[in-house]
């Protein structure tokens, strides 16, 4: 549905907050400057 499941991490073992589902454009600013891991990042460069 042109959305991604996503979450932020402090490191490989520490998630900050709960997973969410959003349109990539709606979270792009919040995640600006961060590496993004996974197929969702590849689909929406």
ModelCIF file with pLDDT and N, C-alpha, C, O atoms, coordinates in Angstrom:
data_MODEL
#
_entry.id   MODEL 
#
_entity.id                         1 
_entity.type                       polymer 
_entity.pdbx_number_of_molecules   1 
#
_entity_poly.entity_id                      1 
_entity_poly.type                           'polypeptide(L)' 
_entity_poly.nstd_linkage                   no 
_entity_poly.nstd_monomer                   no 
_entity_poly.pdbx_seq_one_letter_code       
;(UNK)(UNK)(UNK)(UNK)(UNK)(UNK)(UNK)(UNK)(UNK)(UNK)(UNK)(UNK)(UNK)(UNK)(UNK)(UNK)
(UNK)(UNK)(UNK)(UNK)(UNK)(UNK)(UNK)(UNK)(UNK)(UNK)(UNK)(UNK)(UNK)(UNK)(UNK)(UNK)
(UNK)(UNK)(UNK)(UNK)(UNK)(UNK)(UNK)(UNK)(UNK)(UNK)(UNK)(UNK)(UNK)
;
_entity_poly.pdbx_seq_one_letter_code_can   XXXXXXXXXXXXXXXXXXXXXXXXXXXXXXXXXXXXXXXXXXXXX 
_entity_poly.pdbx_strand_id                 A 
#
loop_
_entity_poly_seq.entity_id 
_entity_poly_seq.num 
_entity_poly_seq.mon_id 
_entity_poly_seq.hetero 
1 1  UNK n 
1 2  UNK n 
1 3  UNK n 
1 4  UNK n 
1 5  UNK n 
1 6  UNK n 
1 7  UNK n 
1 8  UNK n 
1 9  UNK n 
1 10 UNK n 
1 11 UNK n 
1 12 UNK n 
1 13 UNK n 
1 14 UNK n 
1 15 UNK n 
1 16 UNK n 
1 17 UNK n 
1 18 UNK n 
1 19 UNK n 
1 20 UNK n 
1 21 UNK n 
1 22 UNK n 
1 23 UNK n 
1 24 UNK n 
1 25 UNK n 
1 26 UNK n 
1 27 UNK n 
1 28 UNK n 
1 29 UNK n 
1 30 UNK n 
1 31 UNK n 
1 32 UNK n 
1 33 UNK n 
1 34 UNK n 
1 35 UNK n 
1 36 UNK n 
1 37 UNK n 
1 38 UNK n 
1 39 UNK n 
1 40 UNK n 
1 41 UNK n 
1 42 UNK n 
1 43 UNK n 
1 44 UNK n 
1 45 UNK n 
#
_struct_asym.id          A 
_struct_asym.entity_id   1 
#
loop_
_ma_qa_metric.id 
_ma_qa_metric.mode 
_ma_qa_metric.name 
_ma_qa_metric.software_group_id 
_ma_qa_metric.type 
1 global pLDDT . pLDDT 
2 local  pLDDT . pLDDT 
#
_ma_qa_metric_global.metric_id      1 
_ma_qa_metric_global.metric_value   96.58 
_ma_qa_metric_global.model_id       1 
_ma_qa_metric_global.ordinal_id     1 
#
loop_
_ma_qa_metric_local.label_asym_id 
_ma_qa_metric_local.label_comp_id 
_ma_qa_metric_local.label_seq_id 
_ma_qa_metric_local.metric_id 
_ma_qa_metric_local.metric_value 
_ma_qa_metric_local.model_id 
_ma_qa_metric_local.ordinal_id 
A UNK 1  2 91.00 1 1  
A UNK 2  2 95.00 1 2  
A UNK 3  2 97.00 1 3  
A UNK 4  2 97.00 1 4  
A UNK 5  2 97.00 1 5  
A UNK 6  2 98.00 1 6  
A UNK 7  2 98.00 1 7  
A UNK 8  2 98.00 1 8  
A UNK 9  2 98.00 1 9  
A UNK 10 2 97.00 1 10 
A UNK 11 2 97.00 1 11 
A UNK 12 2 96.00 1 12 
A UNK 13 2 96.00 1 13 
A UNK 14 2 96.00 1 14 
A UNK 15 2 97.00 1 15 
A UNK 16 2 96.00 1 16 
A UNK 17 2 91.00 1 17 
A UNK 18 2 95.00 1 18 
A UNK 19 2 97.00 1 19 
A UNK 20 2 97.00 1 20 
A UNK 21 2 96.00 1 21 
A UNK 22 2 97.00 1 22 
A UNK 23 2 97.00 1 23 
A UNK 24 2 98.00 1 24 
A UNK 25 2 97.00 1 25 
A UNK 26 2 97.00 1 26 
A UNK 27 2 98.00 1 27 
A UNK 28 2 97.00 1 28 
A UNK 29 2 97.00 1 29 
A UNK 30 2 96.00 1 30 
A UNK 31 2 97.00 1 31 
A UNK 32 2 96.00 1 32 
A UNK 33 2 95.00 1 33 
A UNK 34 2 97.00 1 34 
A UNK 35 2 98.00 1 35 
A UNK 36 2 98.00 1 36 
A UNK 37 2 98.00 1 37 
A UNK 38 2 97.00 1 38 
A UNK 39 2 97.00 1 39 
A UNK 40 2 96.00 1 40 
A UNK 41 2 96.00 1 41 
A UNK 42 2 96.00 1 42 
A UNK 43 2 97.00 1 43 
A UNK 44 2 98.00 1 44 
A UNK 45 2 96.00 1 45 
#
loop_
_atom_site.group_PDB 
_atom_site.id 
_atom_site.type_symbol 
_atom_site.label_atom_id 
_atom_site.label_alt_id 
_atom_site.label_comp_id 
_atom_site.label_asym_id 
_atom_site.label_entity_id 
_atom_site.label_seq_id 
_atom_site.pdbx_PDB_ins_code 
_atom_site.Cartn_x 
_atom_site.Cartn_y 
_atom_site.Cartn_z 
_atom_site.occupancy 
_atom_site.B_iso_or_equiv 
_atom_site.pdbx_formal_charge 
_atom_site.auth_seq_id 
_atom_site.auth_comp_id 
_atom_site.auth_asym_id 
_atom_site.auth_atom_id 
_atom_site.pdbx_PDB_model_num 
ATOM 1   N N  . UNK A 1 1  ? 0.823  -1.221 0.000  1.00 91.00 ? 1  UNK A N  1 
ATOM 2   C CA . UNK A 1 1  ? 0.000  0.000  0.000  1.00 91.00 ? 1  UNK A CA 1 
ATOM 3   C C  . UNK A 1 1  ? 0.859  1.274  0.000  1.00 91.00 ? 1  UNK A C  1 
ATOM 4   O O  . UNK A 1 1  ? 0.429  2.315  0.496  1.00 91.00 ? 1  UNK A O  1 
ATOM 5   N N  . UNK A 1 2  ? 2.073  1.185  -0.558 1.00 95.00 ? 2  UNK A N  1 
ATOM 6   C CA . UNK A 1 2  ? 3.009  2.309  -0.610 1.00 95.00 ? 2  UNK A CA 1 
ATOM 7   C C  . UNK A 1 2  ? 3.378  2.805  0.792  1.00 95.00 ? 2  UNK A C  1 
ATOM 8   O O  . UNK A 1 2  ? 3.581  4.000  1.008  1.00 95.00 ? 2  UNK A O  1 
ATOM 9   N N  . UNK A 1 3  ? 3.460  1.863  1.736  1.00 97.00 ? 3  UNK A N  1 
ATOM 10  C CA . UNK A 1 3  ? 3.840  2.184  3.111  1.00 97.00 ? 3  UNK A CA 1 
ATOM 11  C C  . UNK A 1 3  ? 4.984  1.276  3.556  1.00 97.00 ? 3  UNK A C  1 
ATOM 12  O O  . UNK A 1 3  ? 5.299  0.283  2.900  1.00 97.00 ? 3  UNK A O  1 
ATOM 13  N N  . UNK A 1 4  ? 5.601  1.637  4.691  1.00 97.00 ? 4  UNK A N  1 
ATOM 14  C CA . UNK A 1 4  ? 6.643  0.812  5.290  1.00 97.00 ? 4  UNK A CA 1 
ATOM 15  C C  . UNK A 1 4  ? 6.344  0.599  6.771  1.00 97.00 ? 4  UNK A C  1 
ATOM 16  O O  . UNK A 1 4  ? 5.780  1.465  7.439  1.00 97.00 ? 4  UNK A O  1 
ATOM 17  N N  . UNK A 1 5  ? 6.734  -0.568 7.265  1.00 97.00 ? 5  UNK A N  1 
ATOM 18  C CA . UNK A 1 5  ? 6.822  -0.787 8.705  1.00 97.00 ? 5  UNK A CA 1 
ATOM 19  C C  . UNK A 1 5  ? 8.209  -0.325 9.121  1.00 97.00 ? 5  UNK A C  1 
ATOM 20  O O  . UNK A 1 5  ? 9.190  -0.640 8.446  1.00 97.00 ? 5  UNK A O  1 
ATOM 21  N N  . UNK A 1 6  ? 8.309  0.413  10.216 1.00 98.00 ? 6  UNK A N  1 
ATOM 22  C CA . UNK A 1 6  ? 9.612  0.973  10.569 1.00 98.00 ? 6  UNK A CA 1 
ATOM 23  C C  . UNK A 1 6  ? 9.750  1.170  12.073 1.00 98.00 ? 6  UNK A C  1 
ATOM 24  O O  . UNK A 1 6  ? 8.772  1.174  12.820 1.00 98.00 ? 6  UNK A O  1 
ATOM 25  N N  . UNK A 1 7  ? 11.002 1.333  12.484 1.00 98.00 ? 7  UNK A N  1 
ATOM 26  C CA . UNK A 1 7  ? 11.317 1.669  13.873 1.00 98.00 ? 7  UNK A CA 1 
ATOM 27  C C  . UNK A 1 7  ? 12.715 2.267  13.911 1.00 98.00 ? 7  UNK A C  1 
ATOM 28  O O  . UNK A 1 7  ? 13.529 2.029  13.019 1.00 98.00 ? 7  UNK A O  1 
ATOM 29  N N  . UNK A 1 8  ? 12.986 3.051  14.960 1.00 98.00 ? 8  UNK A N  1 
ATOM 30  C CA . UNK A 1 8  ? 14.317 3.648  15.159 1.00 98.00 ? 8  UNK A CA 1 
ATOM 31  C C  . UNK A 1 8  ? 15.091 2.844  16.188 1.00 98.00 ? 8  UNK A C  1 
ATOM 32  O O  . UNK A 1 8  ? 14.509 2.217  17.073 1.00 98.00 ? 8  UNK A O  1 
ATOM 33  N N  . UNK A 1 9  ? 16.423 2.872  16.061 1.00 98.00 ? 9  UNK A N  1 
ATOM 34  C CA . UNK A 1 9  ? 17.304 2.119  16.951 1.00 98.00 ? 9  UNK A CA 1 
ATOM 35  C C  . UNK A 1 9  ? 18.490 2.977  17.375 1.00 98.00 ? 9  UNK A C  1 
ATOM 36  O O  . UNK A 1 9  ? 19.035 3.751  16.588 1.00 98.00 ? 9  UNK A O  1 
ATOM 37  N N  . UNK A 1 10 ? 18.875 2.819  18.641 1.00 97.00 ? 10 UNK A N  1 
ATOM 38  C CA . UNK A 1 10 ? 20.110 3.447  19.113 1.00 97.00 ? 10 UNK A CA 1 
ATOM 39  C C  . UNK A 1 10 ? 21.315 2.639  18.672 1.00 97.00 ? 10 UNK A C  1 
ATOM 40  O O  . UNK A 1 10 ? 22.377 3.193  18.387 1.00 97.00 ? 10 UNK A O  1 
ATOM 41  N N  . UNK A 1 11 ? 21.145 1.329  18.618 1.00 97.00 ? 11 UNK A N  1 
ATOM 42  C CA . UNK A 1 11 ? 22.173 0.415  18.139 1.00 97.00 ? 11 UNK A CA 1 
ATOM 43  C C  . UNK A 1 11 ? 21.473 -0.883 17.756 1.00 97.00 ? 11 UNK A C  1 
ATOM 44  O O  . UNK A 1 11 ? 20.245 -0.959 17.769 1.00 97.00 ? 11 UNK A O  1 
ATOM 45  N N  . UNK A 1 12 ? 22.262 -1.908 17.414 1.00 96.00 ? 12 UNK A N  1 
ATOM 46  C CA . UNK A 1 12 ? 21.673 -3.139 16.925 1.00 96.00 ? 12 UNK A CA 1 
ATOM 47  C C  . UNK A 1 12 ? 20.830 -3.898 17.925 1.00 96.00 ? 12 UNK A C  1 
ATOM 48  O O  . UNK A 1 12 ? 20.102 -4.813 17.541 1.00 96.00 ? 12 UNK A O  1 
ATOM 49  N N  . UNK A 1 13 ? 20.907 -3.548 19.189 1.00 96.00 ? 13 UNK A N  1 
ATOM 50  C CA . UNK A 1 13 ? 20.141 -4.247 20.227 1.00 96.00 ? 13 UNK A CA 1 
ATOM 51  C C  . UNK A 1 13 ? 19.082 -3.382 20.899 1.00 96.00 ? 13 UNK A C  1 
ATOM 52  O O  . UNK A 1 13 ? 18.287 -3.889 21.690 1.00 96.00 ? 13 UNK A O  1 
ATOM 53  N N  . UNK A 1 14 ? 19.057 -2.090 20.598 1.00 96.00 ? 14 UNK A N  1 
ATOM 54  C CA . UNK A 1 14 ? 18.220 -1.170 21.368 1.00 96.00 ? 14 UNK A CA 1 
ATOM 55  C C  . UNK A 1 14 ? 17.269 -0.393 20.473 1.00 96.00 ? 14 UNK A C  1 
ATOM 56  O O  . UNK A 1 14 ? 17.681 0.515  19.752 1.00 96.00 ? 14 UNK A O  1 
ATOM 57  N N  . UNK A 1 15 ? 16.005 -0.754 20.525 1.00 97.00 ? 15 UNK A N  1 
ATOM 58  C CA . UNK A 1 15 ? 14.971 -0.023 19.782 1.00 97.00 ? 15 UNK A CA 1 
ATOM 59  C C  . UNK A 1 15 ? 14.455 1.120  20.634 1.00 97.00 ? 15 UNK A C  1 
ATOM 60  O O  . UNK A 1 15 ? 14.305 0.980  21.848 1.00 97.00 ? 15 UNK A O  1 
ATOM 61  N N  . UNK A 1 16 ? 14.178 2.266  19.989 1.00 96.00 ? 16 UNK A N  1 
ATOM 62  C CA . UNK A 1 16 ? 13.615 3.416  20.695 1.00 96.00 ? 16 UNK A CA 1 
ATOM 63  C C  . UNK A 1 16 ? 12.188 3.623  20.201 1.00 96.00 ? 16 UNK A C  1 
ATOM 64  O O  . UNK A 1 16 ? 11.973 4.052  19.067 1.00 96.00 ? 16 UNK A O  1 
ATOM 65  N N  . UNK A 1 17 ? 11.238 3.324  21.036 1.00 91.00 ? 17 UNK A N  1 
ATOM 66  C CA . UNK A 1 17 ? 9.846  3.471  20.633 1.00 91.00 ? 17 UNK A CA 1 
ATOM 67  C C  . UNK A 1 17 ? 9.292  2.200  20.012 1.00 91.00 ? 17 UNK A C  1 
ATOM 68  O O  . UNK A 1 17 ? 9.996  1.201  19.864 1.00 91.00 ? 17 UNK A O  1 
ATOM 69  N N  . UNK A 1 18 ? 8.021  2.258  19.653 1.00 95.00 ? 18 UNK A N  1 
ATOM 70  C CA . UNK A 1 18 ? 7.322  1.108  19.097 1.00 95.00 ? 18 UNK A CA 1 
ATOM 71  C C  . UNK A 1 18 ? 7.348  1.133  17.572 1.00 95.00 ? 18 UNK A C  1 
ATOM 72  O O  . UNK A 1 18 ? 7.443  2.206  16.977 1.00 95.00 ? 18 UNK A O  1 
ATOM 73  N N  . UNK A 1 19 ? 7.267  -0.026 16.935 1.00 97.00 ? 19 UNK A N  1 
ATOM 74  C CA . UNK A 1 19 ? 7.160  -0.060 15.471 1.00 97.00 ? 19 UNK A CA 1 
ATOM 75  C C  . UNK A 1 19 ? 5.910  0.675  14.997 1.00 97.00 ? 19 UNK A C  1 
ATOM 76  O O  . UNK A 1 19 ? 4.912  0.761  15.713 1.00 97.00 ? 19 UNK A O  1 
ATOM 77  N N  . UNK A 1 20 ? 5.985  1.199  13.783 1.00 97.00 ? 20 UNK A N  1 
ATOM 78  C CA . UNK A 1 20 ? 4.868  1.951  13.217 1.00 97.00 ? 20 UNK A CA 1 
ATOM 79  C C  . UNK A 1 20 ? 4.754  1.637  11.739 1.00 97.00 ? 20 UNK A C  1 
ATOM 80  O O  . UNK A 1 20 ? 5.645  1.021  11.154 1.00 97.00 ? 20 UNK A O  1 
ATOM 81  N N  . UNK A 1 21 ? 3.652  2.063  11.136 1.00 96.00 ? 21 UNK A N  1 
ATOM 82  C CA . UNK A 1 21 ? 3.458  1.932  9.691  1.00 96.00 ? 21 UNK A CA 1 
ATOM 83  C C  . UNK A 1 21 ? 3.095  3.299  9.138  1.00 96.00 ? 21 UNK A C  1 
ATOM 84  O O  . UNK A 1 21 ? 2.171  3.946  9.631  1.00 96.00 ? 21 UNK A O  1 
ATOM 85  N N  . UNK A 1 22 ? 3.823  3.746  8.108  1.00 97.00 ? 22 UNK A N  1 
ATOM 86  C CA . UNK A 1 22 ? 3.617  5.081  7.545  1.00 97.00 ? 22 UNK A CA 1 
ATOM 87  C C  . UNK A 1 22 ? 4.042  5.096  6.083  1.00 97.00 ? 22 UNK A C  1 
ATOM 88  O O  . UNK A 1 22 ? 4.732  4.194  5.608  1.00 97.00 ? 22 UNK A O  1 
ATOM 89  N N  . UNK A 1 23 ? 3.612  6.147  5.378  1.00 97.00 ? 23 UNK A N  1 
ATOM 90  C CA . UNK A 1 23 ? 4.123  6.395  4.036  1.00 97.00 ? 23 UNK A CA 1 
ATOM 91  C C  . UNK A 1 23 ? 5.555  6.940  4.145  1.00 97.00 ? 23 UNK A C  1 
ATOM 92  O O  . UNK A 1 23 ? 5.836  7.769  5.011  1.00 97.00 ? 23 UNK A O  1 
ATOM 93  N N  . UNK A 1 24 ? 6.447  6.484  3.281  1.00 98.00 ? 24 UNK A N  1 
ATOM 94  C CA . UNK A 1 24 ? 7.834  6.939  3.361  1.00 98.00 ? 24 UNK A CA 1 
ATOM 95  C C  . UNK A 1 24 ? 7.992  8.450  3.379  1.00 98.00 ? 24 UNK A C  1 
ATOM 96  O O  . UNK A 1 24 ? 8.806  8.979  4.135  1.00 98.00 ? 24 UNK A O  1 
ATOM 97  N N  . UNK A 1 25 ? 7.221  9.151  2.552  1.00 97.00 ? 25 UNK A N  1 
ATOM 98  C CA . UNK A 1 25 ? 7.352  10.612 2.490  1.00 97.00 ? 25 UNK A CA 1 
ATOM 99  C C  . UNK A 1 25 ? 6.998  11.275 3.813  1.00 97.00 ? 25 UNK A C  1 
ATOM 100 O O  . UNK A 1 25 ? 7.500  12.354 4.128  1.00 97.00 ? 25 UNK A O  1 
ATOM 101 N N  . UNK A 1 26 ? 6.132  10.627 4.589  1.00 97.00 ? 26 UNK A N  1 
ATOM 102 C CA . UNK A 1 26 ? 5.686  11.217 5.850  1.00 97.00 ? 26 UNK A CA 1 
ATOM 103 C C  . UNK A 1 26 ? 6.725  11.095 6.962  1.00 97.00 ? 26 UNK A C  1 
ATOM 104 O O  . UNK A 1 26 ? 6.657  11.824 7.952  1.00 97.00 ? 26 UNK A O  1 
ATOM 105 N N  . UNK A 1 27 ? 7.674  10.191 6.812  1.00 98.00 ? 27 UNK A N  1 
ATOM 106 C CA . UNK A 1 27 ? 8.697  10.010 7.852  1.00 98.00 ? 27 UNK A CA 1 
ATOM 107 C C  . UNK A 1 27 ? 10.097 10.363 7.361  1.00 98.00 ? 27 UNK A C  1 
ATOM 108 O O  . UNK A 1 27 ? 11.062 10.285 8.121  1.00 98.00 ? 27 UNK A O  1 
ATOM 109 N N  . UNK A 1 28 ? 10.210 10.751 6.095  1.00 97.00 ? 28 UNK A N  1 
ATOM 110 C CA . UNK A 1 28 ? 11.527 11.037 5.522  1.00 97.00 ? 28 UNK A CA 1 
ATOM 111 C C  . UNK A 1 28 ? 12.252 12.124 6.307  1.00 97.00 ? 28 UNK A C  1 
ATOM 112 O O  . UNK A 1 28 ? 13.451 12.005 6.560  1.00 97.00 ? 28 UNK A O  1 
ATOM 113 N N  . UNK A 1 29 ? 11.545 13.179 6.694  1.00 97.00 ? 29 UNK A N  1 
ATOM 114 C CA . UNK A 1 29 ? 12.185 14.274 7.427  1.00 97.00 ? 29 UNK A CA 1 
ATOM 115 C C  . UNK A 1 29 ? 12.634 13.811 8.809  1.00 97.00 ? 29 UNK A C  1 
ATOM 116 O O  . UNK A 1 29 ? 13.716 14.176 9.268  1.00 97.00 ? 29 UNK A O  1 
ATOM 117 N N  . UNK A 1 30 ? 11.799 13.002 9.475  1.00 96.00 ? 30 UNK A N  1 
ATOM 118 C CA . UNK A 1 30 ? 12.144 12.525 10.816 1.00 96.00 ? 30 UNK A CA 1 
ATOM 119 C C  . UNK A 1 30 ? 13.368 11.617 10.800 1.00 96.00 ? 30 UNK A C  1 
ATOM 120 O O  . UNK A 1 30 ? 14.116 11.559 11.776 1.00 96.00 ? 30 UNK A O  1 
ATOM 121 N N  . UNK A 1 31 ? 13.573 10.904 9.683  1.00 97.00 ? 31 UNK A N  1 
ATOM 122 C CA . UNK A 1 31 ? 14.704 9.976  9.591  1.00 97.00 ? 31 UNK A CA 1 
ATOM 123 C C  . UNK A 1 31 ? 15.856 10.532 8.760  1.00 97.00 ? 31 UNK A C  1 
ATOM 124 O O  . UNK A 1 31 ? 16.803 9.810  8.449  1.00 97.00 ? 31 UNK A O  1 
ATOM 125 N N  . UNK A 1 32 ? 15.780 11.796 8.405  1.00 96.00 ? 32 UNK A N  1 
ATOM 126 C CA . UNK A 1 32 ? 16.820 12.413 7.568  1.00 96.00 ? 32 UNK A CA 1 
ATOM 127 C C  . UNK A 1 32 ? 18.191 12.281 8.227  1.00 96.00 ? 32 UNK A C  1 
ATOM 128 O O  . UNK A 1 32 ? 18.347 12.549 9.418  1.00 96.00 ? 32 UNK A O  1 
ATOM 129 N N  . UNK A 1 33 ? 19.168 11.869 7.447  1.00 95.00 ? 33 UNK A N  1 
ATOM 130 C CA . UNK A 1 33 ? 20.527 11.724 7.944  1.00 95.00 ? 33 UNK A CA 1 
ATOM 131 C C  . UNK A 1 33 ? 20.824 10.382 8.571  1.00 95.00 ? 33 UNK A C  1 
ATOM 132 O O  . UNK A 1 33 ? 21.976 10.087 8.889  1.00 95.00 ? 33 UNK A O  1 
ATOM 133 N N  . UNK A 1 34 ? 19.794 9.555  8.756  1.00 97.00 ? 34 UNK A N  1 
ATOM 134 C CA . UNK A 1 34 ? 20.006 8.241  9.361  1.00 97.00 ? 34 UNK A CA 1 
ATOM 135 C C  . UNK A 1 34 ? 20.127 7.158  8.296  1.00 97.00 ? 34 UNK A C  1 
ATOM 136 O O  . UNK A 1 34 ? 19.400 7.199  7.303  1.00 97.00 ? 34 UNK A O  1 
ATOM 137 N N  . UNK A 1 35 ? 21.022 6.192  8.474  1.00 98.00 ? 35 UNK A N  1 
ATOM 138 C CA . UNK A 1 35 ? 20.971 5.005  7.628  1.00 98.00 ? 35 UNK A CA 1 
ATOM 139 C C  . UNK A 1 35 ? 19.657 4.267  7.885  1.00 98.00 ? 35 UNK A C  1 
ATOM 140 O O  . UNK A 1 35 ? 19.167 4.248  9.014  1.00 98.00 ? 35 UNK A O  1 
ATOM 141 N N  . UNK A 1 36 ? 19.095 3.669  6.856  1.00 98.00 ? 36 UNK A N  1 
ATOM 142 C CA . UNK A 1 36 ? 17.864 2.899  7.004  1.00 98.00 ? 36 UNK A CA 1 
ATOM 143 C C  . UNK A 1 36 ? 18.100 1.503  6.436  1.00 98.00 ? 36 UNK A C  1 
ATOM 144 O O  . UNK A 1 36 ? 18.466 1.344  5.271  1.00 98.00 ? 36 UNK A O  1 
ATOM 145 N N  . UNK A 1 37 ? 17.886 0.511  7.268  1.00 98.00 ? 37 UNK A N  1 
ATOM 146 C CA . UNK A 1 37 ? 18.143 -0.887 6.920  1.00 98.00 ? 37 UNK A CA 1 
ATOM 147 C C  . UNK A 1 37 ? 16.864 -1.539 6.421  1.00 98.00 ? 37 UNK A C  1 
ATOM 148 O O  . UNK A 1 37 ? 15.783 -1.261 6.938  1.00 98.00 ? 37 UNK A O  1 
ATOM 149 N N  . UNK A 1 38 ? 16.979 -2.413 5.410  1.00 97.00 ? 38 UNK A N  1 
ATOM 150 C CA . UNK A 1 38 ? 15.847 -3.230 5.015  1.00 97.00 ? 38 UNK A CA 1 
ATOM 151 C C  . UNK A 1 38 ? 15.269 -2.911 3.650  1.00 97.00 ? 38 UNK A C  1 
ATOM 152 O O  . UNK A 1 38 ? 15.626 -1.918 3.016  1.00 97.00 ? 38 UNK A O  1 
ATOM 153 N N  . UNK A 1 39 ? 14.361 -3.784 3.211  1.00 97.00 ? 39 UNK A N  1 
ATOM 154 C CA . UNK A 1 39 ? 13.776 -3.666 1.879  1.00 97.00 ? 39 UNK A CA 1 
ATOM 155 C C  . UNK A 1 39 ? 12.980 -2.387 1.711  1.00 97.00 ? 39 UNK A C  1 
ATOM 156 O O  . UNK A 1 39 ? 12.879 -1.874 0.596  1.00 97.00 ? 39 UNK A O  1 
ATOM 157 N N  . UNK A 1 40 ? 12.413 -1.855 2.783  1.00 96.00 ? 40 UNK A N  1 
ATOM 158 C CA . UNK A 1 40 ? 11.665 -0.612 2.691  1.00 96.00 ? 40 UNK A CA 1 
ATOM 159 C C  . UNK A 1 40 ? 12.531 0.542  2.229  1.00 96.00 ? 40 UNK A C  1 
ATOM 160 O O  . UNK A 1 40 ? 12.080 1.402  1.473  1.00 96.00 ? 40 UNK A O  1 
ATOM 161 N N  . UNK A 1 41 ? 13.769 0.562  2.681  1.00 96.00 ? 41 UNK A N  1 
ATOM 162 C CA . UNK A 1 41 ? 14.692 1.622  2.274  1.00 96.00 ? 41 UNK A CA 1 
ATOM 163 C C  . UNK A 1 41 ? 15.059 1.483  0.805  1.00 96.00 ? 41 UNK A C  1 
ATOM 164 O O  . UNK A 1 41 ? 15.175 2.478  0.089  1.00 96.00 ? 41 UNK A O  1 
ATOM 165 N N  . UNK A 1 42 ? 15.239 0.248  0.359  1.00 96.00 ? 42 UNK A N  1 
ATOM 166 C CA . UNK A 1 42 ? 15.596 -0.004 -1.042 1.00 96.00 ? 42 UNK A CA 1 
ATOM 167 C C  . UNK A 1 42 ? 14.450 0.384  -1.974 1.00 96.00 ? 42 UNK A C  1 
ATOM 168 O O  . UNK A 1 42 ? 14.687 0.898  -3.067 1.00 96.00 ? 42 UNK A O  1 
ATOM 169 N N  . UNK A 1 43 ? 13.219 0.142  -1.549 1.00 97.00 ? 43 UNK A N  1 
ATOM 170 C CA . UNK A 1 43 ? 12.056 0.438  -2.388 1.00 97.00 ? 43 UNK A CA 1 
ATOM 171 C C  . UNK A 1 43 ? 11.801 1.931  -2.560 1.00 97.00 ? 43 UNK A C  1 
ATOM 172 O O  . UNK A 1 43 ? 11.248 2.356  -3.574 1.00 97.00 ? 43 UNK A O  1 
ATOM 173 N N  . UNK A 1 44 ? 12.205 2.732  -1.564 1.00 98.00 ? 44 UNK A N  1 
ATOM 174 C CA . UNK A 1 44 ? 11.883 4.162  -1.589 1.00 98.00 ? 44 UNK A CA 1 
ATOM 175 C C  . UNK A 1 44 ? 13.153 4.991  -1.391 1.00 98.00 ? 44 UNK A C  1 
ATOM 176 O O  . UNK A 1 44 ? 13.325 5.622  -0.348 1.00 98.00 ? 44 UNK A O  1 
ATOM 177 N N  . UNK A 1 45 ? 14.039 4.992  -2.385 1.00 96.00 ? 45 UNK A N  1 
ATOM 178 C CA . UNK A 1 45 ? 15.320 5.695  -2.245 1.00 96.00 ? 45 UNK A CA 1 
ATOM 179 C C  . UNK A 1 45 ? 15.186 7.208  -2.112 1.00 96.00 ? 45 UNK A C  1 
ATOM 180 O O  . UNK A 1 45 ? 16.191 7.908  -1.989 1.00 96.00 ? 45 UNK A O  1 
#
